[in-house]
C-alpha atoms as a PDB file:
ATOM      1  CA  MET A   1      32.756-155.428 -73.614  1.00  0.00           C
ATOM      2  CA  ALA A   2      30.159-154.989 -71.086  1.00  0.00           C
ATOM      3  CA  LYS A   3      29.334-151.172 -69.876  1.00  0.00           C
ATOM      4  CA  LYS A   4      29.624-150.321 -67.001  1.00  0.00           C
ATOM      5  CA  ILE A   5      27.003-148.862 -64.587  1.00  0.00           C
ATOM      6  CA  ASN A   6      27.963-145.946 -62.254  1.00  0.00           C
ATOM      7  CA  ARG A   7      25.604-146.765 -59.035  1.00  0.00           C
ATOM      8  CA  THR A   8      25.303-145.142 -55.975  1.00  0.00           C
ATOM      9  CA  HIS A   9      26.550-146.746 -52.768  1.00  0.00           C
ATOM     10  CA  SER A  10      22.788-147.125 -52.013  1.00  0.00           C
ATOM     11  CA  GLU A  11      22.541-148.566 -55.003  1.00  0.00           C
ATOM     12  CA  ASP A  12      25.209-150.695 -54.329  1.00  0.00           C
ATOM     13  CA  PHE A  13      23.733-151.835 -50.359  1.00  0.00           C
ATOM     14  CA  TYR A  14      20.859-153.376 -52.315  1.00  0.00           C
ATOM     15  CA  ILE A  15      22.665-155.463 -54.743  1.00  0.00           C
ATOM     16  CA  GLY A  16      22.344-159.645 -54.339  1.00  0.00           C
ATOM     17  CA  LYS A  17      20.092-159.031 -51.001  1.00  0.00           C
ATOM     18  CA  LEU A  18      16.588-160.007 -50.012  1.00  0.00           C
ATOM     19  CA  PRO A  19      14.151-157.877 -48.246  1.00  0.00           C
ATOM     20  CA  HIS A  20      15.399-159.955 -45.023  1.00  0.00           C
ATOM     21  CA  ASP A  21      18.736-159.944 -45.468  1.00  0.00           C
ATOM     22  CA  PHE A  22      18.454-156.372 -43.950  1.00  0.00           C
ATOM     23  CA  LEU A  23      17.261-154.101 -41.460  1.00  0.00           C
ATOM     24  CA  LEU A  24      14.821-151.413 -42.153  1.00  0.00           C
ATOM     25  CA  LYS A  25      16.912-148.104 -40.686  1.00  0.00           C
ATOM     26  CA  GLU A  26      19.732-149.513 -42.982  1.00  0.00           C
ATOM     27  CA  VAL A  27      17.678-148.640 -45.976  1.00  0.00           C
ATOM     28  CA  MET A  28      15.393-145.232 -44.399  1.00  0.00           C
ATOM     29  CA  ALA A  29      16.411-141.733 -45.173  1.00  0.00           C
ATOM     30  CA  GLN A  30      18.107-140.479 -42.094  1.00  0.00           C
ATOM     31  CA  PRO A  31      17.126-138.006 -40.618  1.00  0.00           C
ATOM     32  CA  VAL A  32      13.199-138.271 -40.674  1.00  0.00           C
ATOM     33  CA  ILE A  33      12.228-135.423 -42.085  1.00  0.00           C
ATOM     34  CA  SER A  34       8.435-134.343 -39.861  1.00  0.00           C
ATOM     35  CA  ILE A  35       6.290-131.022 -39.369  1.00  0.00           C
ATOM     36  CA  ASN A  36       3.825-130.471 -36.360  1.00  0.00           C
ATOM     37  CA  ASN A  37       0.401-130.910 -37.189  1.00  0.00           C
ATOM     38  CA  ASN A  38      -0.091-126.296 -36.007  1.00  0.00           C
ATOM     39  CA  ASP A  39       2.961-125.365 -38.974  1.00  0.00           C
ATOM     40  CA  ASP A  40       1.774-123.792 -41.456  1.00  0.00           C
ATOM     41  CA  PHE A  41       0.813-125.250 -44.562  1.00  0.00           C
ATOM     42  CA  SER A  42       3.597-122.945 -46.280  1.00  0.00           C
ATOM     43  CA  LEU A  43       6.087-124.654 -44.896  1.00  0.00           C
ATOM     44  CA  VAL A  44       5.139-128.209 -45.513  1.00  0.00           C
ATOM     45  CA  GLN A  45       5.173-127.313 -49.482  1.00  0.00           C
ATOM     46  CA  GLU A  46       9.441-125.989 -48.648  1.00  0.00           C
ATOM     47  CA  ARG A  47      10.442-128.694 -46.105  1.00  0.00           C
ATOM     48  CA  PRO A  48      10.292-131.669 -49.024  1.00  0.00           C
ATOM     49  CA  GLY A  49      11.953-129.761 -51.729  1.00  0.00           C
ATOM     50  CA  ALA A  50      15.067-128.544 -49.210  1.00  0.00           C
ATOM     51  CA  HIS A  51      15.609-132.051 -47.757  1.00  0.00           C
ATOM     52  CA  GLN A  52      14.980-134.119 -51.036  1.00  0.00           C
ATOM     53  CA  VAL A  53      11.210-136.097 -49.414  1.00  0.00           C
ATOM     54  CA  ARG A  54       8.252-137.185 -50.953  1.00  0.00           C
ATOM     55  CA  HIS A  55       7.006-137.531 -47.757  1.00  0.00           C
ATOM     56  CA  LEU A  56       6.809-135.841 -44.284  1.00  0.00           C
ATOM     57  CA  SER A  57       6.085-138.113 -40.315  1.00  0.00           C
ATOM     58  CA  VAL A  58       3.269-134.806 -39.089  1.00  0.00           C
ATOM     59  CA  ILE A  59       3.896-134.957 -35.195  1.00  0.00           C
ATOM     60  CA  ASP A  60       2.189-133.562 -32.582  1.00  0.00           C
ATOM     61  CA  ASN A  61       3.976-131.831 -29.395  1.00  0.00           C
ATOM     62  CA  ASN A  62       4.238-134.912 -27.966  1.00  0.00           C
ATOM     63  CA  GLN A  63       6.880-136.586 -30.736  1.00  0.00           C
ATOM     64  CA  THR A  64       3.535-138.441 -31.392  1.00  0.00           C
ATOM     65  CA  LEU A  65       3.087-139.808 -35.185  1.00  0.00           C
ATOM     66  CA  LEU A  66      -0.292-138.577 -36.270  1.00  0.00           C
ATOM     67  CA  LYS A  67       0.339-139.020 -40.112  1.00  0.00           C
ATOM     68  CA  ILE A  68       2.801-139.683 -43.309  1.00  0.00           C
ATOM     69  CA  VAL A  69       1.669-136.144 -45.805  1.00  0.00           C
ATOM     70  CA  THR A  70       2.951-137.346 -49.339  1.00  0.00           C
ATOM     71  CA  SER A  71       4.223-135.529 -52.103  1.00  0.00           C
ATOM     72  CA  HIS A  72       0.882-136.502 -53.750  1.00  0.00           C
ATOM     73  CA  ASP A  73      -1.057-135.208 -51.143  1.00  0.00           C
ATOM     74  CA  MET A  74       0.401-131.743 -51.219  1.00  0.00           C
ATOM     75  CA  LEU A  75      -0.414-131.398 -55.067  1.00  0.00           C
ATOM     76  CA  LYS A  76      -3.885-132.155 -54.330  1.00  0.00           C
ATOM     77  CA  ILE A  77      -4.392-130.058 -51.061  1.00  0.00           C
ATOM     78  CA  THR A  78      -2.169-127.274 -52.911  1.00  0.00           C
ATOM     79  CA  ASP A  79      -4.320-127.498 -56.133  1.00  0.00           C
ATOM     80  CA  GLN A  80      -7.813-127.170 -53.893  1.00  0.00           C
ATOM     81  CA  ILE A  81      -5.968-123.873 -52.255  1.00  0.00           C
ATOM     82  CA  TYR A  82      -5.903-122.502 -56.377  1.00  0.00           C
ATOM     83  CA  THR A  83      -8.653-123.985 -57.368  1.00  0.00           C
ATOM     84  CA  GLU A  84     -11.173-121.801 -55.110  1.00  0.00           C
ATOM     85  CA  TYR A  85      -8.448-119.225 -55.059  1.00  0.00           C
ATOM     86  CA  PHE A  86      -8.808-118.396 -58.623  1.00  0.00           C
ATOM     87  CA  LYS A  87     -12.813-119.425 -58.303  1.00  0.00           C
ATOM     88  CA  ASN A  88     -12.818-116.286 -55.482  1.00  0.00           C
ATOM     89  CA  LYS A  89     -11.298-113.759 -57.651  1.00  0.00           C
ATOM     90  CA  GLU A  90     -13.556-115.096 -61.375  1.00  0.00           C
ATOM     91  CA  VAL A  91     -16.560-114.322 -58.144  1.00  0.00           C
ATOM     92  CA  GLN A  92     -15.298-111.015 -57.729  1.00  0.00           C
ATOM     93  CA  THR A  93     -14.381-109.910 -61.330  1.00  0.00           C
ATOM     94  CA  LYS A  94     -17.703-110.577 -62.053  1.00  0.00           C
ATOM     95  CA  ASP A  95     -19.604-109.089 -59.542  1.00  0.00           C
ATOM     96  CA  GLY A  96     -17.090-105.550 -60.192  1.00  0.00           C
ATOM     97  CA  GLN A  97     -15.708-106.009 -56.857  1.00  0.00           C
END
């Protein structure tokens, strides 16, 4: 006897369908999670985890889409920030400051 696999509702939606069988609005996350291009970077770091998303829409004050920021983008930026921070700390320590 085959073991029954429990699937989520979203997984069931795709069974037996081809891409032309459904609309994008049927599969996209709702609501769209966005950040303003003037928001602090710490908000960019917090929002994906809080909403369980890996991509954020970056919009301006007119609600115009400027960019999609991915979790990979955020990791690269965070890595650069900490690399610079610790490099500066090391220089300060060597200089005795």
